[in-house]
């Protein structure tokens, strides 16, 4: 728990009018206004006589409340409570905590915290992330954490196969604080709050103005960031109303793989000791030819770069895609928001908030590899040079593979417009009963553009490749030059020579996809912190809160027309759907004892929520908590609750498409399966592939069919926490807490590691998975492994949090503040199929996918304050992990790399206040610590785990002025 300075005398007034955390923008921001404008009380007192009687009533209420003991409304409860009286484990992050780091987005900062997992999307997610920042709490995934803004649900952004509240759309400088409920919250906030709640509280009710400018750059001269922000607020109608306006513009530059020594030569896969390392991709810019032999083997040739003739393909012919790929996204965003409130009287207080964000994101990848088609396209699974083509000298059909460098690097661009409007009214009903009624509407519209894609149908035409059966992707083909001559713009080509400009124009394509997300949320709440006092000595006041919420959400993803019909060789299907839910919730807080012997405070809290979905019917969730402080110095707390999560839009309605997920074709590594190697070899041979001479074109990746599943059923779960908080009077300024947490999820909605799916089939561990592995191409390559969302099984995870905060005043001018957040992961057990075995992933890194579950994470800060100067040191630690591919841990005897060590990173920030001016500067990753080596097949590290180390040493400066 945390508390604000006692000089924030208006906080009690705001909390007494608030029904839940962030129930209105006005109610949440009174404290911030008092701190930002200390002279406001004098001007208010001078104008009291000028106000009407109703305004006097409001001010008398405020003065009376200010004299009462401090009460707070904290995420996890709809009722106010005193300091340290809430049983829920909540971490509070101040705006200063965020500003004193190099983070330019909230998602970048949150990754420092030990409780945040790595399964979400971040600004280092360049392959499929499209510039979204999706948080992950406790490594339960972004779909199981609820993100609120001022206590209200925020509209999500829809991408291809995923959706989330994009933290990149929320300006950092507008944030007042962030509260993280590290405990399930479905019983109070509804579905999605399985792992907890992130509540972002913005600045409101301002009466001053400010402008801030910030810039940063890495020691390598890249990753530049720039930001300018400002706000201005003013009261009107004799201080009965307020309008606050805020704006921000931010931009960050990308970092490319070629600009870091450790990533510029990517390992394609982990290898055995003494084995040659395959660098880069086997699909090169020089055309590669797969010639079938009579014995079922294949001769692999590649065209000579000097022109004319061929040679046997070898590792020297691989293409280094790191020369073209970006490791972080280019981001640019602009934000404008307005906030107002107007107090008619104590019964009717109007409030409204409008926020608009435009965001652009871009990343770059190597030229598109042209190998063949995949689902849902019915075009040929192999790009074939038919027998009869004048450039085919082998007298039979041969398969071609070529990286289309002539067309150019792929550029992925995304533009998103997000806006949200919230308005409502709150006030006193009678006595201590308060109400809050609000309506929220939000929408996000995204356009995703991919430059320099390949029109695969046209690529077939330029070779004269015609399918005998156009409905069968494995159909035989014949040479028919008329398929080109009858197509406008087509010209027959020599596939072993550079493309002419006419051929580039004909084959190249710009893909445009669109998505839309819309949300409506009506919320009516009532509460009373003092319904009745318990009729005995030391009994407290019973509090009750309740309300009704109706929410509807709709989403759609519309792929490019050629992607939808399969002309691009892969493609995607339309995503569309929606749902509505009506919910009723109730909370009761009973202070059984207060200021009694061995019961300084003994409070129990109960919450319940009934939900009715038009898609899944009804569900009930509940939560109970207890807070017991035998003396003032120590308290014990515990919670037990249930959760329910309906499938989200992407999981249920997501269109199906091919994604090249990290993994290795089992036939390309048959000898690595130990006792199961013989079974893998046998399976490959039955499919016409000899592992002894098989060359995997998609090395490091497996073509994976991803998308929604309309047959999904909801998840259910249970969470409990037990902890203690120590605030000893004999050590002023010290607060320490220890919390044990445990989550259980049943009928878990997830996709599996695609390597796990392929391995289960090929090793014979579970032959039912073979139905998800499609027929190989005519060249023997995997064309598709189906990995749609499913109710895969269950999840159990538990751990211990240790938090420490200590403030010590050394001299009248000098003080030190020490803070530490530590997480010990005890277990992470996942069941990959219903009633199947439990796999322990604690202390494991999914090295192919780049996310992991370290057993130990820590974030510590030490701050020295000297008058207007402060200096802060920050350290974050990520524990070591073993490599797993989802099926099993990698053997340190069989592979060169099998684990990563623990890694420390250090930052420092200095700030100084000079009158109305604030100056700040800092260095992130002072020692320029490099990320540990991870053979992920693309970047040589785990991008989701080591974002600060990827950037390297980073310097930033900031200046601001208040007026």
Foldseek 3Di string as FASTA:
>chain_A
DDDDDLQLLQLQVLQLFAQAQLLDLVSNASSVQCVVCVCVVVVLVVLLVVDDPQVVVSVVVSVVSSVDADWDHAPQDRHIDHPPADQFDKDKFFLVNVVQDPDFFPLVVVLQFPQWFLQFDDQLPAAQNQQFRATHGNNPHSQQEFEAESNHGFFWDDDFLDIHNGRRQPGSVQFGMKMWGQFARCLPNNGSRQRTYIYTRGHDPHAWKKKKWKWWAFPLGFFIKIKIKMKHKNADPSRQKIKIKIKMKMKTGFAAQCSDPLFQWAFQFFFFPPDDTQTAFLAAQFKWKWDADPVLHTFIWTADPVDDDIDGDDSVRHDRFSVKWTSGKIKIKMKIKMWMWGDPGQAKIKIKIKIKMKMKIKTWTFADKDAFFFPPAQAARFLWLAQVQPLDPPNGIIGMIHRQPLLHIKMKMKIKMKMKMKIWIKHADDDSKIKIKMKMKMKMKMKIKIWFAWQQLLSSLLSQWDFPDSRHNQGDTHRHNVSQVVDPLGHRDNSRDRDDPSSSVRTTDMWMKMKMKIKMKIKMKMKGQAPDFDPDPQWGGKIKMKIKMKMKMWMKIGTGPCLCNCSSRWHKHIFIDMKMKIKIKMKMKTFGGDPDQQFVTKMKMKMKMWMQIPQAGIDIKMKMKIWGDRDPFKIKMKMKIKHKHDDDRWAARRIKTKDFAFDAQCLCVLVQPVPLSVLLQVVLVVLSDHSVNDDASSRRTATEIETYHNPQDMKMKMKMKIKMWGQDPVQHQKIKMKMKIKMKIFLDKDWALLNQLNCCCRSVVDVVSVVQFDRAHPSSYGRYGYTYIGSFGMKMWIWMWMWIWGKDDDDPFKIKIKIKIKIFTDWIWDHRHHVHDTDTQAQEALLQQQTGHYRIKMKMKMWMGGHQKMKMKIKIKGAKGFYDNRNDFRDVNGTVDTIWGMDMFMKMKMWGDDPQKIKIKIKTRVVQAAATAGSNSRGRHRCSNCVSSVSGIMIMIMMMGMD
